[in-house]
Protein backbone atom coordinates (compact mmCIF):
# COMPACT_ATOMS: atom_id res chain seq x y z
CA MET A 1 0.11 -0.01 0.05
CA PRO A 2 1.50 3.51 -0.92
CA LEU A 3 2.30 6.22 1.62
CA SER A 4 -0.93 8.37 1.29
CA ALA A 5 -0.59 10.51 4.74
CA ILE A 6 2.14 11.76 7.26
CA PHE A 7 1.08 12.72 10.83
CA ILE A 8 3.31 15.02 12.67
CA LEU A 9 2.45 14.71 16.32
CA ARG A 10 2.46 17.15 18.89
CA THR A 11 1.51 16.87 22.64
CA ALA A 12 -1.50 19.50 23.32
CA ALA A 13 -4.32 19.82 26.16
CA THR A 14 -6.93 18.56 23.47
CA SER A 15 -7.03 16.58 20.38
CA ARG A 16 -6.91 18.28 17.05
CA LEU A 17 -6.18 17.24 13.62
CA LEU A 18 -5.17 19.94 10.87
CA GLU A 19 -4.28 19.42 7.22
CA LEU A 20 -1.57 21.25 6.47
CA GLU A 21 -0.68 23.87 3.70
CA PRO A 22 2.43 23.04 1.60
CA VAL A 23 4.56 25.66 3.16
CA ASP A 24 3.65 24.95 6.65
CA ALA A 25 4.21 21.05 5.80
CA ALA A 26 7.37 21.46 4.60
CA ALA A 27 8.72 23.56 7.18
CA LEU A 28 7.49 20.69 10.17
CA LEU A 29 8.65 18.04 7.93
CA ARG A 30 12.21 19.62 7.56
CA ASP A 31 12.28 19.48 11.68
CA GLU A 32 11.37 16.25 11.60
CA VAL A 33 13.96 14.95 9.18
CA TYR A 34 16.74 12.84 11.28
CA ARG A 35 20.33 14.32 11.22
CA SER A 36 19.12 17.43 9.00
CA LYS A 37 21.88 19.48 10.75
CA PRO A 38 24.86 17.55 9.62
CA ALA A 39 23.29 17.28 6.15
CA SER A 40 22.80 21.31 6.39
CA HIS A 41 26.66 21.16 7.30
CA LEU A 42 27.34 19.29 4.39
CA GLY A 43 25.38 21.59 1.98
CA ARG A 44 22.75 19.32 1.43
CA ASP A 45 20.05 21.85 2.10
CA ALA A 46 18.68 21.92 -1.44
CA ASP A 47 18.56 18.24 -1.90
CA LEU A 48 16.55 18.00 1.26
CA PHE A 49 14.12 20.53 0.23
CA ARG A 50 13.72 19.04 -3.03
CA GLN A 51 12.72 15.51 -1.42
CA ILE A 52 10.37 17.15 1.19
CA ALA A 53 8.56 19.02 -2.06
CA VAL A 54 8.37 15.83 -3.96
CA LEU A 55 6.90 14.18 -0.78
CA ILE A 56 4.35 16.77 -0.01
CA GLY A 57 3.20 17.05 -3.39
CA GLN A 58 2.32 13.05 -3.00
CA VAL A 59 0.46 13.04 0.11
CA GLN A 60 -1.36 14.93 2.76
CA VAL A 61 0.46 16.03 5.81
CA PHE A 62 -1.51 16.83 8.92
CA LEU A 63 -0.37 18.35 12.44
CA PHE A 64 -2.08 15.88 14.82
CA GLU A 65 -2.15 17.45 18.48
CA ARG A 66 -3.42 14.89 21.02
CA SER A 67 -3.68 14.59 24.60
CA MET A 68 -1.21 12.17 26.57
CA ASP A 69 -4.17 11.50 28.67
CA PHE A 70 -6.09 8.16 28.65
CA THR A 71 -9.43 9.64 29.90
CA GLN A 72 -9.27 11.78 26.66
CA LEU A 73 -8.27 8.79 24.33
CA ASP A 74 -11.90 8.41 22.82
CA ASP A 75 -12.08 11.81 21.80
CA THR A 76 -8.41 11.31 20.29
CA VAL A 77 -9.88 8.57 18.19
CA ALA A 78 -12.99 10.25 17.28
CA ALA A 79 -10.93 13.15 16.03
CA VAL A 80 -9.11 10.89 13.53
CA LEU A 81 -12.22 8.89 12.60
CA ALA A 82 -14.19 12.26 11.81
CA LYS A 83 -11.36 13.47 9.58
CA PHE A 84 -11.39 10.60 7.29
CA GLY A 85 -15.10 10.09 7.43
CA THR A 86 -14.69 6.67 8.97
CA LYS A 87 -16.99 5.04 11.55
CA ALA A 88 -15.58 2.76 14.37
């Protein structure tokens, strides 16, 4: 199955799932790249930017803010299911 979405996870008081605009997705994905600082020191920023641009051109990127409180787990799951129109 091909990759269709990327979820950038953040901890928050309540659950929220937002589809990101490409410019916001690119900035947040850049922050998630493993060893991006050494790549930058090696002059690979342009390559990294191109790879991120290709990726966000092919998949949806979401920011998923969710509580780490198990009492809110049902709300967290509901937020994901509501976004994708799936019923539990």
